[in-house]
C-alpha atoms as a PDB file:
ATOM      1  CA  MET A   1      71.969 105.768 128.814  1.00  0.00           C
ATOM      2  CA  SER A   2      73.076 105.563 125.292  1.00  0.00           C
ATOM      3  CA  LEU A   3      76.431 105.144 123.519  1.00  0.00           C
ATOM      4  CA  ASN A   4      77.495 106.311 120.145  1.00  0.00           C
ATOM      5  CA  LYS A   5      80.749 104.574 119.377  1.00  0.00           C
ATOM      6  CA  VAL A   6      82.429 103.297 116.176  1.00  0.00           C
ATOM      7  CA  ILE A   7      85.372 101.183 115.698  1.00  0.00           C
ATOM      8  CA  LEU A   8      86.867 100.763 112.117  1.00  0.00           C
ATOM      9  CA  ILE A   9      89.909  99.039 110.583  1.00  0.00           C
ATOM     10  CA  GLY A  10      90.257  99.889 107.005  1.00  0.00           C
ATOM     11  CA  ARG A  11      92.131 101.145 104.092  1.00  0.00           C
ATOM     12  CA  LEU A  12      92.035 104.988 103.092  1.00  0.00           C
ATOM     13  CA  GLY A  13      90.312 105.612  99.784  1.00  0.00           C
ATOM     14  CA  ARG A  14      92.206 109.004  99.289  1.00  0.00           C
ATOM     15  CA  ASP A  15      94.919 110.768 100.790  1.00  0.00           C
ATOM     16  CA  PRO A  16      93.510 113.201 103.972  1.00  0.00           C
ATOM     17  CA  GLU A  17      92.445 116.594 103.218  1.00  0.00           C
ATOM     18  CA  VAL A  18      93.234 118.953 105.593  1.00  0.00           C
ATOM     19  CA  ARG A  19      91.913 122.724 106.048  1.00  0.00           C
ATOM     20  CA  TYR A  20      91.720 125.112 108.843  1.00  0.00           C
ATOM     21  CA  MET A  21      88.595 126.923 109.973  1.00  0.00           C
ATOM     22  CA  PRO A  22      88.764 130.549 110.510  1.00  0.00           C
ATOM     23  CA  ASN A  23      89.562 129.954 114.392  1.00  0.00           C
ATOM     24  CA  GLY A  24      92.609 128.084 113.569  1.00  0.00           C
ATOM     25  CA  GLU A  25      91.306 124.983 114.204  1.00  0.00           C
ATOM     26  CA  ALA A  26      92.226 121.927 111.750  1.00  0.00           C
ATOM     27  CA  VAL A  27      89.769 119.771 110.082  1.00  0.00           C
ATOM     28  CA  CYS A  28      90.864 116.536 108.030  1.00  0.00           C
ATOM     29  CA  ASN A  29      88.444 114.499 105.963  1.00  0.00           C
ATOM     30  CA  PHE A  30      88.967 111.288 104.141  1.00  0.00           C
ATOM     31  CA  SER A  31      87.222 107.869 103.292  1.00  0.00           C
ATOM     32  CA  VAL A  32      88.218 104.815 104.554  1.00  0.00           C
ATOM     33  CA  ALA A  33      86.791 101.190 103.062  1.00  0.00           C
ATOM     34  CA  THR A  34      85.800  98.457 105.103  1.00  0.00           C
ATOM     35  CA  SER A  35      85.068  94.973 103.526  1.00  0.00           C
ATOM     36  CA  GLU A  36      83.234  91.723 104.624  1.00  0.00           C
ATOM     37  CA  THR A  37      83.623  88.380 103.037  1.00  0.00           C
ATOM     38  CA  TRP A  38      81.279  85.405 103.351  1.00  0.00           C
ATOM     39  CA  ASN A  39      80.072  82.400 101.286  1.00  0.00           C
ATOM     40  CA  ASP A  40      76.576  82.455  99.673  1.00  0.00           C
ATOM     41  CA  ARG A  41      74.218  79.470  99.565  1.00  0.00           C
ATOM     42  CA  ASN A  42      75.999  78.247  96.641  1.00  0.00           C
ATOM     43  CA  GLY A  43      79.209  78.416  97.948  1.00  0.00           C
ATOM     44  CA  GLN A  44      80.311  81.256  96.176  1.00  0.00           C
ATOM     45  CA  ARG A  45      82.549  83.870  97.974  1.00  0.00           C
ATOM     46  CA  VAL A  46      80.551  87.325  98.132  1.00  0.00           C
ATOM     47  CA  GLU A  47      82.451  90.522  99.196  1.00  0.00           C
ATOM     48  CA  ARG A  48      81.087  93.844 100.240  1.00  0.00           C
ATOM     49  CA  THR A  49      82.855  97.035 100.700  1.00  0.00           C
ATOM     50  CA  GLU A  50      81.622  99.656 102.691  1.00  0.00           C
ATOM     51  CA  TRP A  51      82.778 103.412 102.492  1.00  0.00           C
ATOM     52  CA  HIS A  52      82.988 105.627 105.431  1.00  0.00           C
ATOM     53  CA  ASN A  53      83.691 109.567 105.417  1.00  0.00           C
ATOM     54  CA  ILE A  54      85.887 110.131 108.172  1.00  0.00           C
ATOM     55  CA  THR A  55      86.359 113.536 110.108  1.00  0.00           C
ATOM     56  CA  MET A  56      89.131 114.343 112.551  1.00  0.00           C
ATOM     57  CA  TYR A  57      89.755 118.073 114.304  1.00  0.00           C
ATOM     58  CA  ARG A  58      92.710 119.662 116.067  1.00  0.00           C
ATOM     59  CA  LYS A  59      96.041 117.900 116.570  1.00  0.00           C
ATOM     60  CA  LEU A  60      94.584 114.706 115.216  1.00  0.00           C
ATOM     61  CA  ALA A  61      93.453 116.088 112.039  1.00  0.00           C
ATOM     62  CA  GLU A  62      97.218 117.595 111.491  1.00  0.00           C
ATOM     63  CA  ILE A  63      98.757 114.315 112.440  1.00  0.00           C
ATOM     64  CA  ALA A  64      96.327 112.005 109.952  1.00  0.00           C
ATOM     65  CA  GLY A  65      97.052 115.056 107.424  1.00  0.00           C
ATOM     66  CA  GLN A  66     100.820 114.496 107.757  1.00  0.00           C
ATOM     67  CA  TYR A  67     101.367 110.611 107.803  1.00  0.00           C
ATOM     68  CA  LEU A  68      98.185 108.744 106.328  1.00  0.00           C
ATOM     69  CA  LYS A  69      98.064 108.147 102.714  1.00  0.00           C
ATOM     70  CA  LYS A  70      95.612 106.592 100.454  1.00  0.00           C
ATOM     71  CA  GLY A  71      95.657 102.651 100.548  1.00  0.00           C
ATOM     72  CA  GLY A  72      97.200 102.715 104.015  1.00  0.00           C
ATOM     73  CA  LEU A  73      95.533 100.475 106.810  1.00  0.00           C
ATOM     74  CA  VAL A  74      94.097 102.631 109.906  1.00  0.00           C
ATOM     75  CA  TYR A  75      92.522 101.786 113.177  1.00  0.00           C
ATOM     76  CA  LEU A  76      89.989 104.523 113.981  1.00  0.00           C
ATOM     77  CA  GLU A  77      87.490 104.705 117.272  1.00  0.00           C
ATOM     78  CA  GLY A  78      84.816 107.537 117.112  1.00  0.00           C
ATOM     79  CA  ARG A  79      81.152 108.331 116.845  1.00  0.00           C
ATOM     80  CA  ILE A  80      78.581 108.667 114.048  1.00  0.00           C
ATOM     81  CA  GLN A  81      77.286 111.953 113.348  1.00  0.00           C
ATOM     82  CA  SER A  82      74.516 112.820 110.896  1.00  0.00           C
ATOM     83  CA  ARG A  83      74.194 116.131 108.487  1.00  0.00           C
ATOM     84  CA  LYS A  84      71.731 117.105 106.008  1.00  0.00           C
ATOM     85  CA  TYR A  85      72.567 118.370 102.931  1.00  0.00           C
ATOM     86  CA  GLN A  86      70.674 119.254  99.732  1.00  0.00           C
ATOM     87  CA  GLY A  87      71.269 117.148  96.315  1.00  0.00           C
ATOM     88  CA  LYS A  88      71.642 118.322  93.013  1.00  0.00           C
ATOM     89  CA  ASP A  89      68.243 117.167  92.389  1.00  0.00           C
ATOM     90  CA  GLY A  90      67.007 119.682  95.219  1.00  0.00           C
ATOM     91  CA  ILE A  91      66.072 116.831  97.501  1.00  0.00           C
ATOM     92  CA  GLU A  92      67.343 117.052 101.188  1.00  0.00           C
ATOM     93  CA  ARG A  93      69.396 113.876 102.051  1.00  0.00           C
ATOM     94  CA  THR A  94      70.899 112.960 104.971  1.00  0.00           C
ATOM     95  CA  ALA A  95      74.921 111.724 105.174  1.00  0.00           C
ATOM     96  CA  TYR A  96      76.435 110.001 108.061  1.00  0.00           C
ATOM     97  CA  ASP A  97      80.024 110.819 108.998  1.00  0.00           C
ATOM     98  CA  ILE A  98      82.423 109.172 111.631  1.00  0.00           C
ATOM     99  CA  VAL A  99      84.051 111.725 113.597  1.00  0.00           C
ATOM    100  CA  ALA A 100      87.215 109.970 114.859  1.00  0.00           C
ATOM    101  CA  ASN A 101      89.134 110.916 118.301  1.00  0.00           C
ATOM    102  CA  GLU A 102      91.624 108.083 118.013  1.00  0.00           C
ATOM    103  CA  MET A 103      93.581 106.703 115.483  1.00  0.00           C
ATOM    104  CA  LYS A 104      96.302 103.835 114.911  1.00  0.00           C
ATOM    105  CA  MET A 105      98.331 103.630 111.886  1.00  0.00           C
ATOM    106  CA  LEU A 106      98.608  99.936 110.928  1.00  0.00           C
ATOM    107  CA  GLY A 107     100.531  97.916 108.352  1.00  0.00           C
ATOM    108  CA  GLY A 108     103.988  99.300 108.864  1.00  0.00           C
ATOM    109  CA  ARG A 109     106.241 101.914 107.341  1.00  0.00           C
ATOM    110  CA  ASN A 110     105.572 101.444 103.650  1.00  0.00           C
ATOM    111  CA  GLU A 111     101.522 101.448 104.422  1.00  0.00           C
ATOM    112  CA  ASN A 112     101.309 105.090 105.033  1.00  0.00           C
ATOM    113  CA  SER A 113     103.789 107.957 104.863  1.00  0.00           C
ATOM    114  CA  GLY A 114     107.032 106.014 105.168  1.00  0.00           C
ATOM    115  CA  GLY A 115     108.120 107.519 108.475  1.00  0.00           C
ATOM    116  CA  ALA A 116     105.149 106.605 110.550  1.00  0.00           C
ATOM    117  CA  PRO A 117     105.941 104.045 113.471  1.00  0.00           C
ATOM    118  CA  TYR A 118     104.033 100.663 113.167  1.00  0.00           C
ATOM    119  CA  GLU A 119     100.682 100.776 115.329  1.00  0.00           C
ATOM    120  CA  GLU A 120     101.601 104.151 116.678  1.00  0.00           C
ATOM    121  CA  GLY A 121      98.409 105.320 118.198  1.00  0.00           C
ATOM    122  CA  TYR A 122      96.811 109.007 118.526  1.00  0.00           C
ATOM    123  CA  GLY A 123      94.142 110.621 120.217  1.00  0.00           C
ATOM    124  CA  GLN A 124      92.196 113.350 121.679  1.00  0.00           C
ATOM    125  CA  GLY A 125      90.983 113.586 125.254  1.00  0.00           C
ATOM    126  CA  GLN A 126      87.246 113.254 125.530  1.00  0.00           C
ATOM    127  CA  GLU A 127      87.205 117.036 126.516  1.00  0.00           C
ATOM    128  CA  ALA A 128      87.886 117.775 123.187  1.00  0.00           C
ATOM    129  CA  TYR A 129      84.789 117.039 121.879  1.00  0.00           C
ATOM    130  CA  GLN A 130      82.474 118.379 124.466  1.00  0.00           C
ATOM    131  CA  ARG A 131      79.631 120.607 123.707  1.00  0.00           C
ATOM    132  CA  PRO A 132      80.158 124.510 123.811  1.00  0.00           C
ATOM    133  CA  ALA A 133      77.808 124.697 126.907  1.00  0.00           C
ATOM    134  CA  GLN A 134      80.070 122.202 128.689  1.00  0.00           C
ATOM    135  CA  GLN A 135      83.033 124.125 127.828  1.00  0.00           C
ATOM    136  CA  SER A 136      81.989 127.186 129.819  1.00  0.00           C
ATOM    137  CA  ARG A 137      82.207 125.397 133.046  1.00  0.00           C
ATOM    138  CA  GLN A 138      85.007 126.737 135.371  1.00  0.00           C
ATOM    139  CA  PRO A 139      87.786 124.436 135.483  1.00  0.00           C
ATOM    140  CA  ALA A 140      89.280 123.087 138.694  1.00  0.00           C
ATOM    141  CA  PRO A 141      92.216 125.144 140.426  1.00  0.00           C
ATOM    142  CA  ASP A 142      94.763 122.919 139.440  1.00  0.00           C
ATOM    143  CA  ALA A 143      93.431 121.989 136.002  1.00  0.00           C
ATOM    144  CA  PRO A 144      94.632 123.627 133.251  1.00  0.00           C
ATOM    145  CA  SER A 145      92.284 125.963 131.285  1.00  0.00           C
ATOM    146  CA  HIS A 146      92.607 124.402 127.813  1.00  0.00           C
ATOM    147  CA  PRO A 147      92.075 120.838 126.532  1.00  0.00           C
ATOM    148  CA  GLN A 148      95.232 118.716 126.891  1.00  0.00           C
ATOM    149  CA  GLU A 149      96.130 116.055 124.027  1.00  0.00           C
ATOM    150  CA  ALA A 150      96.248 112.798 125.164  1.00  0.00           C
ATOM    151  CA  PRO A 151      99.848 111.231 124.667  1.00  0.00           C
ATOM    152  CA  ALA A 152     100.946 109.085 122.096  1.00  0.00           C
ATOM    153  CA  ALA A 153     100.799 105.445 123.096  1.00  0.00           C
ATOM    154  CA  PRO A 154     104.005 104.447 124.533  1.00  0.00           C
ATOM    155  CA  ARG A 155     105.941 101.502 122.855  1.00  0.00           C
ATOM    156  CA  ARG A 156     105.548  98.425 125.219  1.00  0.00           C
ATOM    157  CA  GLN A 157     108.548  96.593 126.604  1.00  0.00           C
ATOM    158  CA  PRO A 158     108.322  92.738 127.326  1.00  0.00           C
ATOM    159  CA  VAL A 159     107.667  91.984 131.160  1.00  0.00           C
ATOM    160  CA  PRO A 160     110.739  89.647 132.430  1.00  0.00           C
ATOM    161  CA  ALA A 161     109.623  86.591 134.113  1.00  0.00           C
ATOM    162  CA  ALA A 162     109.147  86.590 137.772  1.00  0.00           C
ATOM    163  CA  ALA A 163     111.322  84.246 139.847  1.00  0.00           C
ATOM    164  CA  PRO A 164     109.111  81.521 141.126  1.00  0.00           C
ATOM    165  CA  VAL A 165     108.012  81.697 144.975  1.00  0.00           C
ATOM    166  CA  GLU A 166     109.029  79.017 147.092  1.00  0.00           C
ATOM    167  CA  ASP A 167     106.748  79.664 150.088  1.00  0.00           C
ATOM    168  CA  ILE A 168     104.746  82.718 150.685  1.00  0.00           C
ATOM    169  CA  ASP A 169     102.842  81.481 153.665  1.00  0.00           C
ATOM    170  CA  ASP A 170     105.436  83.148 156.010  1.00  0.00           C
ATOM    171  CA  ASP A 171     105.002  86.327 154.127  1.00  0.00           C
ATOM    172  CA  ILE A 172     101.035  87.090 154.749  1.00  0.00           C
ATOM    173  CA  PRO A 173     100.622  89.391 157.709  1.00  0.00           C
ATOM    174  CA  PHE A 174      97.236  88.115 158.766  1.00  0.00           C
END
């Protein structure tokens, strides 16, 4: 068994860049900074910032391009994916990207585009990231023939307090 899952909360280092592949599928790229702070042996506060390259696909990419802005706070879930490239010096290098399939915009309306709801979540179902060999399987007769997008997370209303229970022994059927 194996697991490749990443969860990040950080700030965008640049506005998302959306482009479209020849098949019409949207791809969005941006960077996110995460920071950790601790005190060293001398009691001095130390901060380390990590920069993460983020990639999104399909509808989630379009939503990110529309609503996320540089400096905005975002929650992301996804997986790590490596890619090889050749540096300017001719040496082959490896880069690690986060392919995000879940996103929540955090920090309020002014953090991102001004019209994005606070903590509104967006995601894509797992079928959107299946390997091509798995996509060739025949869907169940009543299943749709194309991947469905996960609905936006609904706003939760507070649950009213239940009335106190006086004597529940009489209601037990056994």
